Protein backbone atom coordinates (compact mmCIF):
# COMPACT_ATOMS: atom_id res chain seq x y z
CA MET A 1 1.61 -8.78 28.72
CA ALA A 2 -1.50 -10.12 26.92
CA ALA A 3 -1.15 -7.64 24.13
CA LEU A 4 2.61 -8.31 23.79
CA ALA A 5 1.95 -12.11 23.62
CA ALA A 6 -0.71 -11.46 21.05
CA LEU A 7 1.63 -9.31 18.97
CA LEU A 8 4.55 -11.74 19.05
CA PRO A 9 3.53 -13.89 16.06
CA ILE A 10 3.18 -10.80 13.89
CA LEU A 11 6.45 -9.41 15.09
CA VAL A 12 8.24 -12.74 14.32
CA ILE A 13 6.76 -12.67 10.80
CA LEU A 14 8.16 -9.17 10.44
CA VAL A 15 11.64 -10.22 11.47
CA LEU A 16 11.69 -13.39 9.32
CA MET A 17 10.37 -11.66 6.18
CA ILE A 18 12.16 -8.31 6.40
CA GLY A 19 15.23 -9.15 8.34
CA LEU A 20 15.92 -12.73 7.05
CA ARG A 21 14.02 -12.55 3.80
CA TRP A 22 11.97 -15.62 4.36
CA SER A 23 9.05 -16.31 2.11
CA ALA A 24 5.47 -15.55 3.29
CA ALA A 25 4.67 -19.26 3.45
CA ALA A 26 7.65 -20.07 5.70
CA ALA A 27 7.38 -17.01 7.93
CA GLY A 28 3.56 -17.49 8.13
CA THR A 29 4.09 -21.12 9.31
CA VAL A 30 6.37 -20.09 12.13
CA GLY A 31 3.91 -17.29 13.20
CA LEU A 32 1.14 -19.82 13.08
CA ALA A 33 3.04 -22.25 15.26
CA LEU A 34 3.60 -19.52 17.93
CA ALA A 35 -0.07 -18.47 17.74
CA VAL A 36 -1.19 -21.97 18.32
CA ALA A 37 1.14 -22.33 21.24
CA TYR A 38 -0.11 -19.15 22.91
CA ALA A 39 -3.71 -19.98 22.11
CA VAL A 40 -3.44 -23.33 23.82
CA PHE A 41 -1.07 -22.53 26.75
CA GLY A 42 -1.55 -18.83 27.21
CA TYR A 43 -5.03 -17.97 26.35
CA GLY A 44 -7.06 -21.07 26.13
CA THR A 45 -9.73 -20.84 23.45
CA ALA A 46 -12.31 -18.01 23.28
CA THR A 47 -14.76 -20.28 21.65
CA HIS A 48 -15.81 -22.37 24.64
CA ALA A 49 -18.40 -24.38 22.65
CA VAL A 50 -15.43 -26.07 20.95
CA PRO A 51 -14.46 -29.39 22.46
CA GLY A 52 -10.89 -28.75 23.54
CA PRO A 53 -7.89 -27.09 21.96
CA ALA A 54 -7.57 -29.69 19.20
CA GLY A 55 -11.17 -28.99 18.12
CA ALA A 56 -10.47 -25.21 18.07
CA ALA A 57 -7.28 -25.63 16.04
CA GLY A 58 -9.06 -27.88 13.66
CA GLY A 59 -11.95 -25.57 13.23
CA ALA A 60 -9.62 -22.57 12.56
CA LEU A 61 -7.70 -24.56 10.08
CA ALA A 62 -10.89 -25.67 8.30
CA GLU A 63 -11.98 -22.00 7.99
CA ALA A 64 -8.51 -21.09 6.70
CA ALA A 65 -8.51 -23.85 4.13
CA PHE A 66 -12.04 -22.94 2.99
CA VAL A 67 -11.22 -19.23 2.49
CA ALA A 68 -7.88 -20.16 0.78
CA ALA A 69 -9.87 -22.27 -1.69
CA THR A 70 -12.28 -19.49 -2.51
CA ILE A 71 -9.31 -17.18 -3.16
CA LEU A 72 -7.33 -19.74 -5.13
CA TRP A 73 -10.32 -20.14 -7.36
CA ILE A 74 -9.70 -16.51 -8.40
CA VAL A 75 -5.87 -16.84 -8.48
CA PHE A 76 -5.83 -19.92 -10.75
CA PRO A 77 -7.92 -18.62 -13.70
CA ALA A 78 -6.25 -15.20 -13.43
CA LEU A 79 -2.84 -16.98 -13.91
CA CYS A 80 -4.35 -18.98 -16.84
CA ILE A 81 -5.33 -15.76 -18.63
CA TYR A 82 -1.82 -14.29 -17.86
CA GLU A 83 -0.08 -17.27 -19.31
CA LEU A 84 -2.42 -17.45 -22.29
CA GLN A 85 -1.85 -13.76 -23.09
CA LEU A 86 1.88 -14.00 -22.62
CA GLY A 87 2.15 -17.15 -24.81
CA SER A 88 -0.09 -15.85 -27.53
CA GLY A 89 1.75 -12.50 -27.96
CA ALA A 90 -1.24 -10.54 -26.88
CA PHE A 91 0.85 -8.43 -24.46
CA GLU A 92 3.24 -7.56 -27.25
CA VAL A 93 0.25 -6.22 -29.20
CA LEU A 94 -0.67 -4.07 -26.20
CA LYS A 95 2.92 -2.83 -25.84
CA ARG A 96 3.26 -1.79 -29.52
CA ALA A 97 -0.13 0.06 -29.35
CA LEU A 98 0.90 1.97 -26.28
CA GLY A 99 4.22 2.87 -27.82
CA ARG A 100 2.66 4.27 -30.96
CA LEU A 101 0.32 6.51 -29.12
CA SER A 102 2.88 9.09 -28.01
CA SER A 103 6.65 9.61 -27.68
CA ASP A 104 6.19 11.98 -24.77
CA ARG A 105 7.61 10.56 -21.53
CA ARG A 106 4.79 11.80 -19.30
CA ILE A 107 2.04 10.49 -21.59
CA ALA A 108 3.86 7.24 -21.72
CA ALA A 109 3.97 7.00 -17.93
CA LEU A 110 0.20 7.81 -17.87
CA LEU A 111 -0.65 5.10 -20.43
CA VAL A 112 1.61 2.41 -18.98
CA ALA A 113 2.11 3.02 -15.22
CA TRP A 114 -1.43 4.35 -14.64
CA PHE A 115 -3.90 2.87 -17.13
CA PHE A 116 -2.13 -0.37 -18.19
CA GLY A 117 -0.80 -1.00 -14.54
CA LEU A 118 -4.26 -0.49 -13.21
CA PHE A 119 -5.77 -2.71 -15.87
CA MET A 120 -3.52 -5.59 -15.07
CA GLU A 121 -4.02 -5.13 -11.38
CA GLY A 122 -7.87 -5.38 -11.90
CA ALA A 123 -7.56 -8.34 -14.20
CA ALA A 124 -4.90 -10.45 -12.50
CA GLY A 125 -3.25 -8.67 -9.49
CA PHE A 126 -0.75 -10.60 -7.46
CA GLY A 127 2.32 -8.74 -8.72
CA THR A 128 1.53 -8.97 -12.49
CA PRO A 129 1.28 -5.13 -12.96
CA VAL A 130 4.86 -4.48 -12.05
CA ALA A 131 6.13 -7.60 -13.81
CA LEU A 132 4.39 -6.62 -17.05
CA ALA A 133 4.37 -2.84 -17.11
CA ALA A 134 7.88 -2.18 -15.95
CA PRO A 135 9.51 -3.84 -18.95
CA ILE A 136 7.28 -1.80 -21.26
CA LEU A 137 8.48 1.43 -19.66
CA VAL A 138 12.10 0.35 -20.00
CA GLY A 139 11.40 -0.35 -23.62
CA LEU A 140 10.08 3.14 -24.02
CA GLY A 141 13.22 4.66 -22.64
CA PHE A 142 12.91 4.82 -18.85
CA SER A 143 15.69 3.49 -16.50
CA PRO A 144 14.90 0.32 -14.64
CA VAL A 145 14.72 2.06 -11.32
CA ARG A 146 12.42 4.68 -12.59
CA ALA A 147 10.28 2.16 -14.44
CA VAL A 148 9.59 -0.01 -11.41
CA THR A 149 8.98 3.11 -9.26
CA LEU A 150 6.45 4.46 -11.66
CA VAL A 151 4.42 1.31 -11.80
CA LEU A 152 4.52 0.69 -8.13
CA ILE A 153 3.02 4.07 -7.51
CA GLY A 154 0.70 4.13 -10.45
CA HIS A 155 -1.17 0.92 -9.87
CA ALA A 156 -1.68 1.31 -6.10
CA ALA A 157 -5.07 2.99 -6.23
CA GLY A 158 -6.49 -0.17 -7.81
CA VAL A 159 -5.02 -2.73 -5.52
CA SER A 160 -7.94 -2.69 -3.06
CA PHE A 161 -10.06 -4.29 -5.82
CA GLY A 162 -7.28 -6.11 -7.66
CA ALA A 163 -7.74 -9.50 -9.23
CA VAL A 164 -11.51 -8.93 -9.66
CA GLY A 165 -11.98 -7.87 -6.06
CA THR A 166 -10.00 -10.60 -4.36
CA PRO A 167 -8.79 -8.51 -1.41
CA VAL A 168 -12.35 -7.80 -0.37
CA LEU A 169 -13.41 -11.49 -0.08
CA PRO A 170 -11.63 -12.15 3.26
CA GLN A 171 -12.98 -8.91 4.63
CA VAL A 172 -16.56 -10.07 3.71
CA ALA A 173 -15.90 -13.48 5.28
CA VAL A 174 -14.49 -11.96 8.58
CA THR A 175 -16.85 -9.04 9.16
CA GLY A 176 -20.16 -10.20 7.70
CA LEU A 177 -20.46 -6.86 5.84
CA SER A 178 -21.44 -7.03 2.23
CA GLY A 179 -18.93 -6.66 -0.50
CA GLN A 180 -20.98 -3.82 -1.91
CA ASP A 181 -20.73 -1.75 1.34
CA ILE A 182 -17.05 -2.42 1.73
CA ALA A 183 -16.38 -1.50 -1.92
CA ALA A 184 -18.33 1.71 -1.57
CA ALA A 185 -16.52 2.81 1.50
CA THR A 186 -13.04 1.82 0.28
CA GLY A 187 -13.66 3.20 -3.21
CA LEU A 188 -14.56 6.59 -1.73
CA LEU A 189 -11.13 6.85 -0.12
CA HIS A 190 -9.27 6.14 -3.38
CA GLY A 191 -11.78 8.16 -5.50
CA VAL A 192 -11.17 11.30 -3.44
CA LEU A 193 -7.36 10.87 -2.92
CA GLY A 194 -6.22 8.91 -5.97
CA ALA A 195 -4.96 12.06 -7.86
CA ILE A 196 -2.20 12.26 -5.24
CA LEU A 197 -0.59 9.16 -6.72
CA LEU A 198 -0.88 10.33 -10.25
CA ALA A 199 0.80 13.63 -9.28
CA PHE A 200 3.81 11.58 -8.06
CA VAL A 201 3.82 9.55 -11.33
CA VAL A 202 3.90 12.75 -13.43
CA ARG A 203 6.68 14.34 -11.44
CA LEU A 204 8.79 11.16 -11.50
CA ALA A 205 8.26 10.75 -15.22
CA ALA A 206 9.42 14.21 -16.08
CA PRO A 207 12.54 14.36 -18.31
CA ALA A 208 15.77 15.13 -16.52
CA SER A 209 16.83 18.17 -18.55
CA GLY A 210 15.36 21.53 -17.68
CA ALA A 211 14.49 22.37 -21.23
CA ALA A 212 12.69 19.10 -21.87
CA ALA A 213 10.95 19.32 -18.51
CA GLY A 214 9.82 22.78 -19.32
CA ALA A 215 8.40 21.61 -22.70
CA ALA A 216 6.68 18.77 -20.99
CA GLY A 217 5.14 20.99 -18.47
CA ARG A 218 3.45 23.41 -20.77
CA GLY A 219 0.61 21.01 -21.22
CA GLY A 220 0.45 21.13 -24.94
CA ALA A 221 -1.53 18.68 -26.88
CA GLY A 222 1.10 17.98 -29.47
CA ARG A 223 4.16 15.82 -29.14
CA GLY A 224 5.97 18.39 -27.02
CA GLY A 225 4.55 17.43 -23.63
CA ALA A 226 1.80 16.04 -21.54
CA GLY A 227 1.69 18.66 -18.70
CA TRP A 228 -0.67 18.70 -15.66
CA GLY A 229 -3.70 19.12 -17.88
CA TRP A 230 -3.29 15.74 -19.33
CA ALA A 231 -2.54 14.32 -15.90
CA GLY A 232 -5.75 15.78 -14.59
CA LEU A 233 -7.63 14.24 -17.46
CA ALA A 234 -6.01 10.83 -16.79
CA ALA A 235 -7.04 11.09 -13.16
CA ALA A 236 -10.69 11.95 -13.98
CA CYS A 237 -10.86 9.21 -16.76
CA PHE A 238 -9.97 6.50 -14.21
CA LEU A 239 -11.23 7.75 -10.94
CA LEU A 240 -14.80 8.66 -11.93
CA PRO A 241 -15.80 5.29 -13.42
CA PHE A 242 -13.79 3.60 -10.65
CA LEU A 243 -15.78 5.49 -8.01
CA ALA A 244 -19.11 4.84 -9.80
CA LEU A 245 -18.39 1.10 -10.06
CA SER A 246 -17.38 0.80 -6.43
CA LEU A 247 -20.53 2.71 -5.23
CA PHE A 248 -23.08 0.87 -7.40
CA VAL A 249 -21.65 -2.45 -8.73
CA GLY A 250 -19.30 -3.97 -6.01
CA PRO A 251 -15.69 -4.93 -5.51
CA GLU A 252 -15.15 -6.95 -8.71
CA LEU A 253 -15.03 -4.29 -11.37
CA PRO A 254 -13.91 -0.83 -10.08
CA THR A 255 -10.20 -1.32 -10.99
CA LEU A 256 -10.66 -3.37 -14.12
CA GLY A 257 -13.65 -1.35 -15.45
CA GLY A 258 -12.17 1.97 -14.45
CA ALA A 259 -8.96 1.19 -16.30
CA LEU A 260 -10.74 -0.04 -19.46
CA VAL A 261 -13.26 2.80 -19.55
CA GLY A 262 -10.71 5.46 -18.49
CA GLY A 263 -8.07 4.17 -20.79
CA ALA A 264 -10.38 4.21 -23.77
CA LEU A 265 -11.51 7.79 -23.04
CA PHE A 266 -7.90 8.90 -22.60
CA VAL A 267 -6.72 7.39 -25.83
CA ALA A 268 -9.64 8.92 -27.62
CA ALA A 269 -8.64 12.27 -26.22
CA LEU A 270 -5.05 11.78 -27.42
CA ARG A 271 -6.23 10.89 -30.94
CA LEU A 272 -8.48 13.97 -31.07
CA ALA A 273 -5.43 16.03 -30.01
CA GLY A 274 -3.63 15.02 -33.22
CA ARG A 275 -2.01 11.64 -32.63
CA ARG A 276 -4.34 9.83 -35.11
CA ALA A 277 -2.93 6.78 -36.98
CA GLY A 278 -3.40 6.36 -40.66
CA PRO A 279 -6.55 4.52 -41.88
CA ALA A 280 -4.84 1.17 -42.62
CA GLU A 281 -2.80 1.28 -39.43
CA GLY A 282 -5.94 2.23 -37.44
CA ARG A 283 -7.90 -0.71 -38.80
CA TRP A 284 -5.10 -3.17 -38.12
CA GLU A 285 -4.44 -1.82 -34.70
CA GLY A 286 -8.10 -1.87 -33.74
CA ALA A 287 -8.55 -5.49 -34.88
CA ALA A 288 -5.42 -6.72 -33.16
CA LEU A 289 -6.33 -4.91 -29.89
CA LEU A 290 -9.79 -6.30 -29.91
CA ARG A 291 -8.46 -9.87 -30.37
CA ALA A 292 -5.76 -9.39 -27.65
CA SER A 293 -8.43 -8.06 -25.20
CA MET A 294 -11.06 -10.79 -25.67
CA PRO A 295 -10.57 -12.51 -22.33
CA TYR A 296 -10.96 -9.27 -20.55
CA ALA A 297 -13.91 -8.20 -22.60
CA VAL A 298 -15.70 -11.46 -21.81
CA LEU A 299 -14.88 -11.16 -18.19
CA LEU A 300 -16.16 -7.53 -18.14
CA ALA A 301 -19.43 -8.49 -19.70
CA LEU A 302 -19.99 -11.45 -17.35
CA VAL A 303 -19.30 -9.50 -14.24
CA LEU A 304 -21.55 -6.63 -15.32
CA ALA A 305 -24.35 -9.00 -16.30
CA THR A 306 -24.19 -10.97 -13.00
CA ARG A 307 -23.98 -7.86 -10.81
CA LEU A 308 -26.45 -5.56 -12.57
CA VAL A 309 -29.19 -7.93 -13.91
CA GLY A 310 -31.37 -8.42 -10.83
CA PRO A 311 -33.07 -11.72 -11.69
CA LEU A 312 -29.74 -13.28 -12.88
CA ARG A 313 -27.93 -12.07 -9.80
CA GLU A 314 -30.62 -13.50 -7.44
CA ALA A 315 -30.63 -16.87 -9.34
CA LEU A 316 -26.83 -17.16 -9.05
CA LEU A 317 -26.83 -16.20 -5.43
CA GLY A 318 -29.58 -18.81 -4.74
CA LEU A 319 -27.05 -21.61 -4.84
CA ASP A 320 -25.10 -21.00 -1.68
CA TRP A 321 -22.75 -23.71 -0.28
CA ARG A 322 -22.49 -23.48 3.53
CA TRP A 323 -20.78 -25.53 6.16
CA SER A 324 -20.28 -25.32 9.97
CA LEU A 325 -18.28 -27.18 12.55
CA HIS A 326 -18.97 -27.31 16.33
CA GLY A 327 -21.34 -24.42 15.89
CA ALA A 328 -18.42 -22.06 16.10
CA PHE A 329 -16.71 -22.32 12.74
CA GLY A 330 -18.03 -22.09 9.24
CA GLY A 331 -18.17 -20.43 5.92
CA SER A 332 -20.16 -20.11 2.67
CA VAL A 333 -19.72 -19.44 -1.02
CA ALA A 334 -22.01 -18.85 -4.02
CA PRO A 335 -19.99 -20.71 -6.67
CA PHE A 336 -21.70 -19.43 -9.79
CA TYR A 337 -21.57 -15.85 -8.47
CA HIS A 338 -17.95 -16.09 -7.50
CA PRO A 339 -15.44 -14.01 -9.37
CA GLY A 340 -13.29 -16.93 -9.94
CA THR A 341 -15.97 -18.57 -12.15
CA MET A 342 -16.22 -15.31 -14.10
CA LEU A 343 -12.48 -15.43 -14.59
CA MET A 344 -12.46 -19.08 -15.73
CA LEU A 345 -15.24 -18.28 -18.24
CA GLY A 346 -13.22 -15.23 -19.39
CA PHE A 347 -10.24 -17.53 -19.92
CA LEU A 348 -12.05 -20.26 -21.78
CA LEU A 349 -14.53 -18.23 -23.85
CA GLY A 350 -12.11 -15.34 -24.41
CA GLY A 351 -9.39 -17.73 -25.49
CA LEU A 352 -11.59 -19.52 -27.91
CA ALA A 353 -12.76 -16.07 -29.27
CA GLN A 354 -9.16 -15.29 -29.91
CA GLY A 355 -8.89 -18.46 -32.04
CA ARG A 356 -6.87 -20.44 -29.49
CA ARG A 357 -7.01 -24.20 -29.64
CA PRO A 358 -7.93 -26.34 -26.64
CA GLY A 359 -4.36 -27.57 -26.50
CA GLU A 360 -3.19 -23.91 -26.04
CA LEU A 361 -5.65 -23.37 -23.32
CA GLY A 362 -4.53 -26.51 -21.67
CA ARG A 363 -0.92 -25.45 -21.77
CA ALA A 364 -1.71 -22.02 -20.22
CA ALA A 365 -3.73 -23.77 -17.49
CA ALA A 366 -0.83 -26.10 -16.73
CA LEU A 367 1.61 -23.26 -16.52
CA GLY A 368 -0.77 -21.31 -14.18
CA ALA A 369 -1.14 -24.41 -12.02
CA ARG A 370 2.61 -24.70 -11.49
CA ARG A 371 2.52 -21.36 -9.63
CA LEU A 372 -0.25 -22.26 -7.18
CA PRO A 373 1.46 -24.38 -4.52
CA LEU A 374 3.51 -21.56 -2.97
CA VAL A 375 0.58 -19.15 -3.20
CA ALA A 376 -1.69 -21.73 -1.54
CA ALA A 377 0.84 -22.43 1.30
CA ALA A 378 1.22 -18.73 2.07
CA LEU A 379 -2.50 -18.14 1.96
CA VAL A 380 -3.35 -21.08 4.31
CA ALA A 381 -0.55 -20.17 6.76
CA MET A 382 -1.66 -16.52 7.03
CA LEU A 383 -5.34 -17.37 7.15
CA ALA A 384 -4.86 -20.03 9.86
CA LEU A 385 -2.78 -17.56 11.84
CA SER A 386 -5.59 -14.97 11.52
CA ARG A 387 -8.36 -17.37 12.53
CA ILE A 388 -6.40 -18.79 15.50
CA MET A 389 -5.70 -15.30 16.77
CA VAL A 390 -9.43 -14.39 16.51
CA HIS A 391 -10.76 -17.52 18.16
CA ALA A 392 -8.16 -17.38 20.91
CA GLY A 393 -8.88 -13.75 21.78
CA MET A 394 -5.54 -12.50 20.73
CA ILE A 395 -6.93 -9.98 18.21
CA ALA A 396 -9.36 -8.72 20.94
CA ALA A 397 -6.35 -8.16 23.24
CA LEU A 398 -4.56 -6.13 20.61
CA ALA A 399 -7.70 -4.11 19.90
CA GLU A 400 -8.21 -3.29 23.56
CA THR A 401 -4.67 -2.03 23.81
CA ALA A 402 -4.98 0.05 20.69
CA ALA A 403 -8.22 1.51 21.89
CA GLY A 404 -6.84 2.44 25.28
CA THR A 405 -3.70 3.96 23.87
CA LEU A 406 -5.07 6.12 20.97
CA GLY A 407 -8.72 6.34 21.65
CA PRO A 408 -10.84 8.27 19.08
CA ALA A 409 -7.58 9.24 17.15
CA TRP A 410 -7.20 5.68 16.06
CA PRO A 411 -8.69 6.28 12.55
CA LEU A 412 -5.60 8.53 11.76
CA LEU A 413 -3.38 5.42 11.96
CA ALA A 414 -5.79 2.82 10.76
CA PRO A 415 -4.53 2.83 7.13
CA ALA A 416 -0.98 2.40 8.50
CA VAL A 417 -1.90 -0.95 9.90
CA GLY A 418 -2.92 -2.03 6.43
CA ILE A 419 0.29 -0.72 4.89
CA LEU A 420 2.32 -2.63 7.53
CA GLY A 421 0.45 -5.80 6.77
CA THR A 422 1.15 -5.65 3.05
CA PHE A 423 4.75 -4.61 3.62
CA VAL A 424 5.19 -7.76 5.75
CA THR A 425 3.09 -10.28 3.73
CA GLY A 426 3.62 -8.97 0.24
CA SER A 427 -0.08 -9.04 -0.57
CA ALA A 428 -3.06 -6.76 0.04
CA THR A 429 -5.19 -9.82 0.27
CA ALA A 430 -2.88 -11.34 2.96
CA SER A 431 -2.88 -8.05 4.85
CA ASN A 432 -6.62 -8.03 4.98
CA ILE A 433 -6.67 -11.64 6.08
CA LEU A 434 -4.28 -10.94 8.87
CA LEU A 435 -5.60 -7.61 10.13
CA THR A 436 -9.23 -7.03 9.28
CA ASP A 437 -10.26 -8.75 12.49
CA PHE A 438 -8.10 -6.40 14.39
CA GLN A 439 -9.59 -3.25 12.68
CA GLN A 440 -13.08 -4.51 13.34
CA ALA A 441 -12.39 -5.35 17.01
CA THR A 442 -10.76 -1.96 17.56
CA ALA A 443 -13.68 -0.18 16.00
CA ALA A 444 -16.06 -2.10 18.31
CA ALA A 445 -13.92 -1.27 21.44
CA LEU A 446 -13.93 2.44 20.51
CA GLY A 447 -17.49 2.67 19.37
CA LEU A 448 -16.38 3.83 15.85
CA PRO A 449 -18.13 2.77 12.60
CA VAL A 450 -16.81 -0.68 11.74
CA LEU A 451 -17.23 -0.03 8.03
CA HIS A 452 -14.95 2.95 7.94
CA LEU A 453 -12.05 1.13 9.70
CA VAL A 454 -12.57 -1.94 7.49
CA ALA A 455 -12.28 0.43 4.52
CA ALA A 456 -9.19 2.04 6.01
CA GLN A 457 -7.64 -1.51 6.24
CA GLY A 458 -8.41 -2.14 2.53
CA PHE A 459 -7.14 1.24 1.60
CA GLY A 460 -3.87 0.84 3.63
CA ALA A 461 -3.37 -2.55 2.26
CA ALA A 462 -3.31 -1.18 -1.30
CA VAL A 463 -0.95 1.60 -0.31
CA GLY A 464 1.44 -0.92 1.09
CA ASN A 465 2.05 -2.27 -2.37
CA ILE A 466 4.00 0.88 -3.13
CA VAL A 467 6.80 -0.09 -0.67
CA CYS A 468 6.32 -3.88 -0.48
CA PRO A 469 9.80 -5.50 -0.83
CA HIS A 470 8.35 -8.47 -2.60
CA ASN A 471 6.86 -6.28 -5.46
CA VAL A 472 10.12 -4.38 -5.75
CA ILE A 473 12.22 -7.53 -6.02
CA ALA A 474 9.74 -9.30 -8.46
CA GLY A 475 9.38 -6.22 -10.61
CA GLY A 476 13.05 -5.49 -10.54
CA ALA A 477 13.85 -9.07 -11.67
CA THR A 478 11.94 -8.39 -14.94
CA VAL A 479 14.16 -5.39 -15.81
CA GLY A 480 17.50 -6.48 -14.43
CA LEU A 481 17.45 -4.18 -11.40
CA GLY A 482 20.00 -6.35 -9.63
CA GLY A 483 20.66 -5.09 -6.12
CA ARG A 484 19.27 -1.61 -6.62
CA GLU A 485 15.94 -2.20 -4.83
CA GLY A 486 16.88 0.24 -2.08
CA GLU A 487 16.82 3.00 -4.76
CA VAL A 488 13.22 2.17 -5.62
CA LEU A 489 12.13 2.12 -2.03
CA ARG A 490 13.69 5.62 -1.42
CA ARG A 491 11.62 6.93 -4.33
CA THR A 492 8.42 5.19 -3.41
CA ALA A 493 8.44 5.85 0.30
CA PRO A 494 7.37 9.56 0.07
CA ALA A 495 4.34 8.62 -2.09
CA CYS A 496 3.37 5.83 0.35
CA ALA A 497 3.69 8.25 3.33
CA ALA A 498 1.71 11.03 1.69
CA TYR A 499 -1.07 8.82 0.39
CA GLY A 500 -1.34 6.94 3.75
CA ALA A 501 -1.43 10.05 5.75
CA ALA A 502 -4.11 11.59 3.47
CA GLY A 503 -6.15 8.47 3.91
CA GLY A 504 -5.90 8.53 7.68
CA ILE A 505 -7.12 12.13 7.76
CA LEU A 506 -10.01 11.33 5.50
CA VAL A 507 -11.02 8.24 7.54
CA PHE A 508 -10.81 10.27 10.73
CA LEU A 509 -13.12 12.89 9.24
CA LEU A 510 -15.61 10.26 8.01
CA ALA A 511 -15.58 8.43 11.32
CA LEU A 512 -16.49 11.48 13.39
């Protein structure tokens, strides 16, 4: 009964969001109310040092608000960059450049659904890859259903470190593990298995006719087809720098840096294979692309400098804001080391480097700010639910039941928990907020390595984006999908199942 009571808030969120199509903020608020009721009347509080239920609820809400603020400091400047790029026409420059590189469908899918989708995931996250990349694919000749399907699958490998590492922040806050350790363990899973997703992208992008498909499958370097050779090159171009950055730098750059480096290498290979533009066009294209990418170039330089230059890194980490309440609740943040600060500088300095006026930057910031209230409400609701369930012992009850039911085989299903969390909440970050405690407690109950199960949660949360209804609906709205979301889910579900199952097997082997 204890486990069922602990599970009830999550089940209610599932019903409200999937069955009744409530928003994450509204469903999370109802789940939070149930969790508070069970915490007070069913469990009491697990933090006995807290003076009464009111103090416990207040402490959990304070933790939720603090973590939400640290995440919103990433979301806000990311939205500012998005609005600036959209308003300035930078995205159109990127679209034209991608369209000129090749007329082959498979190469177009590799460039847009893989590299561009991963790049936007690393730079902004929060649904922007599907919203931006799907229309580009439609413009290049793909049907709306296929376009949304390709981007959903193609960008998933980078979601664990999307929006400059945002999904890892709540995992660091909850577990006490370092961002570097979590990034290395999670990046290893995607680095080993990511080519599975690209295989689905290439198959789904194949032309419908047998003759065209045969031409595309021969792997020629000319305009006749991309083939599996180009797909293998695309996988290596992204996954190798992605893996290196996750192992040696941290969670902020694997997706963004891997997409930038990998995309540049892949484009260079395409040009060497005979798709070279004329001298005048090449000069114009290079200058326009450089200007369009300035915010991301500034961001990349700042993150690399602050993560790899030892003295600078230590100096920025030295200013650490901490707080505590009742000796049981608390949090900390290093504001000048925070990814949000890097994003804001990328927005301001990159925008000025593009030649944007202060008024243009202000308008982009205002447009970004308009989108924050609903994001903030959903974050606080889900975070508060998570912290209440932890401090009331509800997560521990779920972990104990899971440990007793599956025992050492739990790692096989650990990624599925993350997938479910993203399917329900619409966000890998929210999934990690809601379920990292559960994964950690289950690992402790079973005597398994906590790091591997936390990585499995981050991996699964990324995979869940492939079938997340919110992403399907939001992406479909940008290409006029109109009621055909079920067709997308039928195409994405096999990729989600295959990638999630492969992740479970790898986590099981690593946890032995």
